[in-house]
Amino acid sequence: MAGITLKGSPIETIGNLPEVDTKAPTFRLTRSDLSDAALEDFAGKTIVLNIFPTLKKL
């Protein structure tokens, strides 16, 4: 679990957030034009992943 703050309140997530500068695992996604993209398509480029954690149910 990872502890984060949401609107000033501490909460715990399911799983762990990646560390800074961690290499991303291979992935495939769909671009806005509906074409496929994979991690290797971004070789040599800096990319930023926006991660939305799943909150632990109370």
PDB file of N, CA and C in Angstrom:
ATOM      1  N   MET A   1       0.835  -1.179   0.000  1.00  0.00           N
ATOM      2  CA  MET A   1       0.000   0.000   0.000  1.00  0.00           C
ATOM      3  C   MET A   1       0.880   1.243   0.000  1.00  0.00           C
ATOM      4  N   ALA A   2       0.323   2.304  -0.526  1.00  0.00           N
ATOM      5  CA  ALA A   2       1.010   3.587  -0.517  1.00  0.00           C
ATOM      6  C   ALA A   2       0.121   4.581   0.225  1.00  0.00           C
ATOM      7  N   GLY A   3       0.732   5.387   1.044  1.00  0.00           N
ATOM      8  CA  GLY A   3      -0.013   6.418   1.748  1.00  0.00           C
ATOM      9  C   GLY A   3       0.055   7.708   0.956  1.00  0.00           C
ATOM     10  N   ILE A   4      -1.087   8.302   0.652  1.00  0.00           N
ATOM     11  CA  ILE A   4      -1.152   9.573  -0.049  1.00  0.00           C
ATOM     12  C   ILE A   4      -2.134  10.469   0.675  1.00  0.00           C
ATOM     13  N   THR A   5      -2.201  11.724   0.250  1.00  0.00           N
ATOM     14  CA  THR A   5      -3.136  12.669   0.853  1.00  0.00           C
ATOM     15  C   THR A   5      -4.133  13.110  -0.198  1.00  0.00           C
ATOM     16  N   LEU A   6      -5.411  13.055   0.128  1.00  0.00           N
ATOM     17  CA  LEU A   6      -6.476  13.471  -0.771  1.00  0.00           C
ATOM     18  C   LEU A   6      -7.305  14.524  -0.064  1.00  0.00           C
ATOM     19  N   LYS A   7      -7.305  15.732  -0.588  1.00  0.00           N
ATOM     20  CA  LYS A   7      -8.029  16.855   0.016  1.00  0.00           C
ATOM     21  C   LYS A   7      -7.687  17.018   1.495  1.00  0.00           C
ATOM     22  N   GLY A   8      -6.404  16.857   1.800  1.00  0.00           N
ATOM     23  CA  GLY A   8      -5.928  17.059   3.162  1.00  0.00           C
ATOM     24  C   GLY A   8      -6.087  15.875   4.094  1.00  0.00           C
ATOM     25  N   SER A   9      -6.717  14.800   3.626  1.00  0.00           N
ATOM     26  CA  SER A   9      -6.914  13.618   4.468  1.00  0.00           C
ATOM     27  C   SER A   9      -6.008  12.483   4.023  1.00  0.00           C
ATOM     28  N   PRO A  10      -5.291  11.846   4.955  1.00  0.00           N
ATOM     29  CA  PRO A  10      -4.441  10.721   4.576  1.00  0.00           C
ATOM     30  C   PRO A  10      -5.288   9.499   4.195  1.00  0.00           C
ATOM     31  N   ILE A  11      -4.909   8.829   3.120  1.00  0.00           N
ATOM     32  CA  ILE A  11      -5.589   7.607   2.686  1.00  0.00           C
ATOM     33  C   ILE A  11      -4.544   6.595   2.242  1.00  0.00           C
ATOM     34  N   GLU A  12      -4.936   5.336   2.149  1.00  0.00           N
ATOM     35  CA  GLU A  12      -4.052   4.274   1.676  1.00  0.00           C
ATOM     36  C   GLU A  12      -4.583   3.746   0.357  1.00  0.00           C
ATOM     37  N   THR A  13      -3.679   3.395  -0.537  1.00  0.00           N
ATOM     38  CA  THR A  13      -4.055   2.846  -1.833  1.00  0.00           C
ATOM     39  C   THR A  13      -3.825   1.343  -1.846  1.00  0.00           C
ATOM     40  N   ILE A  14      -4.400   0.691  -2.857  1.00  0.00           N
ATOM     41  CA  ILE A  14      -4.147  -0.726  -3.079  1.00  0.00           C
ATOM     42  C   ILE A  14      -2.898  -0.809  -3.950  1.00  0.00           C
ATOM     43  N   GLY A  15      -1.912  -1.570  -3.545  1.00  0.00           N
ATOM     44  CA  GLY A  15      -0.671  -1.679  -4.315  1.00  0.00           C
ATOM     45  C   GLY A  15       0.279  -0.556  -3.970  1.00  0.00           C
ATOM     46  N   ASN A  16       1.399  -0.509  -4.694  1.00  0.00           N
ATOM     47  CA  ASN A  16       2.430   0.486  -4.441  1.00  0.00           C
ATOM     48  C   ASN A  16       2.617   1.372  -5.659  1.00  0.00           C
ATOM     49  N   LEU A  17       2.904   2.642  -5.421  1.00  0.00           N
ATOM     50  CA  LEU A  17       3.219   3.551  -6.507  1.00  0.00           C
ATOM     51  C   LEU A  17       4.671   3.325  -6.925  1.00  0.00           C
ATOM     52  N   PRO A  18       5.010   3.493  -8.194  1.00  0.00           N
ATOM     53  CA  PRO A  18       6.400   3.294  -8.622  1.00  0.00           C
ATOM     54  C   PRO A  18       7.305   4.389  -8.071  1.00  0.00           C
ATOM     55  N   GLU A  19       8.550   4.048  -7.866  1.00  0.00           N
ATOM     56  CA  GLU A  19       9.544   5.021  -7.418  1.00  0.00           C
ATOM     57  C   GLU A  19       9.904   5.931  -8.585  1.00  0.00           C
ATOM     58  N   VAL A  20      10.386   7.134  -8.287  1.00  0.00           N
ATOM     59  CA  VAL A  20      10.837   8.067  -9.314  1.00  0.00           C
ATOM     60  C   VAL A  20      11.975   7.425 -10.098  1.00  0.00           C
ATOM     61  N   ASP A  21      11.989   7.608 -11.415  1.00  0.00           N
ATOM     62  CA  ASP A  21      12.998   7.078 -12.344  1.00  0.00           C
ATOM     63  C   ASP A  21      12.954   5.566 -12.506  1.00  0.00           C
ATOM     64  N   THR A  22      11.858   4.923 -12.111  1.00  0.00           N
ATOM     65  CA  THR A  22      11.688   3.492 -12.319  1.00  0.00           C
ATOM     66  C   THR A  22      11.358   3.253 -13.786  1.00  0.00           C
ATOM     67  N   LYS A  23      11.968   2.240 -14.392  1.00  0.00           N
ATOM     68  CA  LYS A  23      11.678   1.914 -15.780  1.00  0.00           C
ATOM     69  C   LYS A  23      10.275   1.321 -15.869  1.00  0.00           C
ATOM     70  N   ALA A  24       9.493   1.828 -16.807  1.00  0.00           N
ATOM     71  CA  ALA A  24       8.116   1.351 -16.982  1.00  0.00           C
ATOM     72  C   ALA A  24       8.119  -0.057 -17.581  1.00  0.00           C
ATOM     73  N   PRO A  25       7.199  -0.904 -17.144  1.00  0.00           N
ATOM     74  CA  PRO A  25       7.064  -2.213 -17.776  1.00  0.00           C
ATOM     75  C   PRO A  25       6.490  -2.041 -19.181  1.00  0.00           C
ATOM     76  N   THR A  26       6.675  -3.035 -20.026  1.00  0.00           N
ATOM     77  CA  THR A  26       6.126  -2.980 -21.373  1.00  0.00           C
ATOM     78  C   THR A  26       4.619  -2.772 -21.304  1.00  0.00           C
ATOM     79  N   PHE A  27       4.113  -1.878 -22.131  1.00  0.00           N
ATOM     80  CA  PHE A  27       2.678  -1.630 -22.153  1.00  0.00           C
ATOM     81  C   PHE A  27       2.225  -1.321 -23.571  1.00  0.00           C
ATOM     82  N   ARG A  28       0.946  -1.433 -23.794  1.00  0.00           N
ATOM     83  CA  ARG A  28       0.309  -1.065 -25.056  1.00  0.00           C
ATOM     84  C   ARG A  28      -0.898  -0.213 -24.698  1.00  0.00           C
ATOM     85  N   LEU A  29      -1.082   0.866 -25.449  1.00  0.00           N
ATOM     86  CA  LEU A  29      -2.209   1.752 -25.197  1.00  0.00           C
ATOM     87  C   LEU A  29      -2.816   2.191 -26.512  1.00  0.00           C
ATOM     88  N   THR A  30      -3.937   2.862 -26.438  1.00  0.00           N
ATOM     89  CA  THR A  30      -4.619   3.353 -27.627  1.00  0.00           C
ATOM     90  C   THR A  30      -4.496   4.872 -27.673  1.00  0.00           C
ATOM     91  N   ARG A  31      -4.000   5.375 -28.796  1.00  0.00           N
ATOM     92  CA  ARG A  31      -3.846   6.818 -28.986  1.00  0.00           C
ATOM     93  C   ARG A  31      -5.216   7.442 -29.283  1.00  0.00           C
ATOM     94  N   SER A  32      -5.276   8.766 -29.258  1.00  0.00           N
ATOM     95  CA  SER A  32      -6.546   9.453 -29.511  1.00  0.00           C
ATOM     96  C   SER A  32      -7.075   9.206 -30.921  1.00  0.00           C
ATOM     97  N   ASP A  33      -6.179   8.825 -31.875  1.00  0.00           N
ATOM     98  CA  ASP A  33      -6.639   8.504 -33.232  1.00  0.00           C
ATOM     99  C   ASP A  33      -6.971   7.013 -33.379  1.00  0.00           C
ATOM    100  N   LEU A  34      -7.013   6.302 -32.235  1.00  0.00           N
ATOM    101  CA  LEU A  34      -7.341   4.878 -32.127  1.00  0.00           C
ATOM    102  C   LEU A  34      -6.251   3.935 -32.644  1.00  0.00           C
ATOM    103  N   SER A  35      -5.059   4.464 -32.968  1.00  0.00           N
ATOM    104  CA  SER A  35      -3.938   3.600 -33.327  1.00  0.00           C
ATOM    105  C   SER A  35      -3.279   3.088 -32.049  1.00  0.00           C
ATOM    106  N   ASP A  36      -2.540   1.979 -32.174  1.00  0.00           N
ATOM    107  CA  ASP A  36      -1.845   1.406 -31.022  1.00  0.00           C
ATOM    108  C   ASP A  36      -0.519   2.111 -30.796  1.00  0.00           C
ATOM    109  N   ALA A  37      -0.093   2.141 -29.558  1.00  0.00           N
ATOM    110  CA  ALA A  37       1.225   2.640 -29.178  1.00  0.00           C
ATOM    111  C   ALA A  37       1.767   1.711 -28.102  1.00  0.00           C
ATOM    112  N   ALA A  38       3.077   1.536 -28.085  1.00  0.00           N
ATOM    113  CA  ALA A  38       3.718   0.689 -27.086  1.00  0.00           C
ATOM    114  C   ALA A  38       4.922   1.434 -26.508  1.00  0.00           C
ATOM    115  N   LEU A  39       5.423   0.956 -25.407  1.00  0.00           N
ATOM    116  CA  LEU A  39       6.555   1.597 -24.743  1.00  0.00           C
ATOM    117  C   LEU A  39       7.706   1.824 -25.716  1.00  0.00           C
ATOM    118  N   GLU A  40       8.008   0.839 -26.547  1.00  0.00           N
ATOM    119  CA  GLU A  40       9.151   0.969 -27.467  1.00  0.00           C
ATOM    120  C   GLU A  40       8.955   2.092 -28.492  1.00  0.00           C
ATOM    121  N   ASP A  41       7.730   2.536 -28.721  1.00  0.00           N
ATOM    122  CA  ASP A  41       7.478   3.657 -29.634  1.00  0.00           C
ATOM    123  C   ASP A  41       8.020   4.975 -29.083  1.00  0.00           C
ATOM    124  N   PHE A  42       8.300   5.016 -27.795  1.00  0.00           N
ATOM    125  CA  PHE A  42       8.768   6.230 -27.150  1.00  0.00           C
ATOM    126  C   PHE A  42      10.256   6.169 -26.803  1.00  0.00           C
ATOM    127  N   ALA A  43      10.982   5.211 -27.375  1.00  0.00           N
ATOM    128  CA  ALA A  43      12.415   5.040 -27.085  1.00  0.00           C
ATOM    129  C   ALA A  43      13.165   6.353 -27.332  1.00  0.00           C
ATOM    130  N   GLY A  44      14.016   6.728 -26.383  1.00  0.00           N
ATOM    131  CA  GLY A  44      14.813   7.933 -26.495  1.00  0.00           C
ATOM    132  C   GLY A  44      14.079   9.211 -26.121  1.00  0.00           C
ATOM    133  N   LYS A  45      12.810   9.105 -25.755  1.00  0.00           N
ATOM    134  CA  LYS A  45      12.025  10.279 -25.387  1.00  0.00           C
ATOM    135  C   LYS A  45      11.701  10.228 -23.900  1.00  0.00           C
ATOM    136  N   THR A  46      11.546  11.389 -23.307  1.00  0.00           N
ATOM    137  CA  THR A  46      11.095  11.463 -21.922  1.00  0.00           C
ATOM    138  C   THR A  46       9.572  11.387 -21.934  1.00  0.00           C
ATOM    139  N   ILE A  47       9.021  10.476 -21.139  1.00  0.00           N
ATOM    140  CA  ILE A  47       7.567  10.365 -21.042  1.00  0.00           C
ATOM    141  C   ILE A  47       7.157  10.484 -19.579  1.00  0.00           C
ATOM    142  N   VAL A  48       5.976  10.980 -19.365  1.00  0.00           N
ATOM    143  CA  VAL A  48       5.426  11.104 -18.018  1.00  0.00           C
ATOM    144  C   VAL A  48       4.135  10.305 -17.995  1.00  0.00           C
ATOM    145  N   LEU A  49       4.032   9.389 -17.048  1.00  0.00           N
ATOM    146  CA  LEU A  49       2.816   8.595 -16.895  1.00  0.00           C
ATOM    147  C   LEU A  49       1.976   9.208 -15.786  1.00  0.00           C
ATOM    148  N   ASN A  50       0.719   9.431 -16.056  1.00  0.00           N
ATOM    149  CA  ASN A  50      -0.206   9.952 -15.062  1.00  0.00           C
ATOM    150  C   ASN A  50      -0.931   8.752 -14.465  1.00  0.00           C
ATOM    151  N   ILE A  51      -0.655   8.456 -13.217  1.00  0.00           N
ATOM    152  CA  ILE A  51      -1.170   7.251 -12.566  1.00  0.00           C
ATOM    153  C   ILE A  51      -2.305   7.617 -11.625  1.00  0.00           C
ATOM    154  N   PHE A  52      -3.420   6.907 -11.747  1.00  0.00           N
ATOM    155  CA  PHE A  52      -4.562   7.111 -10.874  1.00  0.00           C
ATOM    156  C   PHE A  52      -4.658   5.907  -9.944  1.00  0.00           C
ATOM    157  N   PRO A  53      -4.283   6.057  -8.681  1.00  0.00           N
ATOM    158  CA  PRO A  53      -4.329   4.907  -7.771  1.00  0.00           C
ATOM    159  C   PRO A  53      -5.756   4.491  -7.446  1.00  0.00           C
ATOM    160  N   THR A  54      -5.928   3.216  -7.179  1.00  0.00           N
ATOM    161  CA  THR A  54      -7.210   2.675  -6.726  1.00  0.00           C
ATOM    162  C   THR A  54      -7.239   2.804  -5.213  1.00  0.00           C
ATOM    163  N   LEU A  55      -8.283   3.389  -4.691  1.00  0.00           N
ATOM    164  CA  LEU A  55      -8.378   3.589  -3.252  1.00  0.00           C
ATOM    165  C   LEU A  55      -8.850   2.334  -2.550  1.00  0.00           C
ATOM    166  N   LYS A  56      -8.320   2.109  -1.367  1.00  0.00           N
ATOM    167  CA  LYS A  56      -8.719   0.979  -0.543  1.00  0.00           C
ATOM    168  C   LYS A  56     -10.142   1.212  -0.040  1.00  0.00           C
ATOM    169  N   LYS A  57     -11.017   0.226  -0.189  1.00  0.00           N
ATOM    170  CA  LYS A  57     -12.398   0.359   0.295  1.00  0.00           C
ATOM    171  C   LYS A  57     -12.410   0.252   1.814  1.00  0.00           C
ATOM    172  N   LEU A  58     -13.238   1.076   2.432  1.00  0.00           N
ATOM    173  CA  LEU A  58     -13.344   1.050   3.899  1.00  0.00           C
ATOM    174  C   LEU A  58     -14.349   0.028   4.358  1.00  0.00           C
TER     175      LEU A  58
END
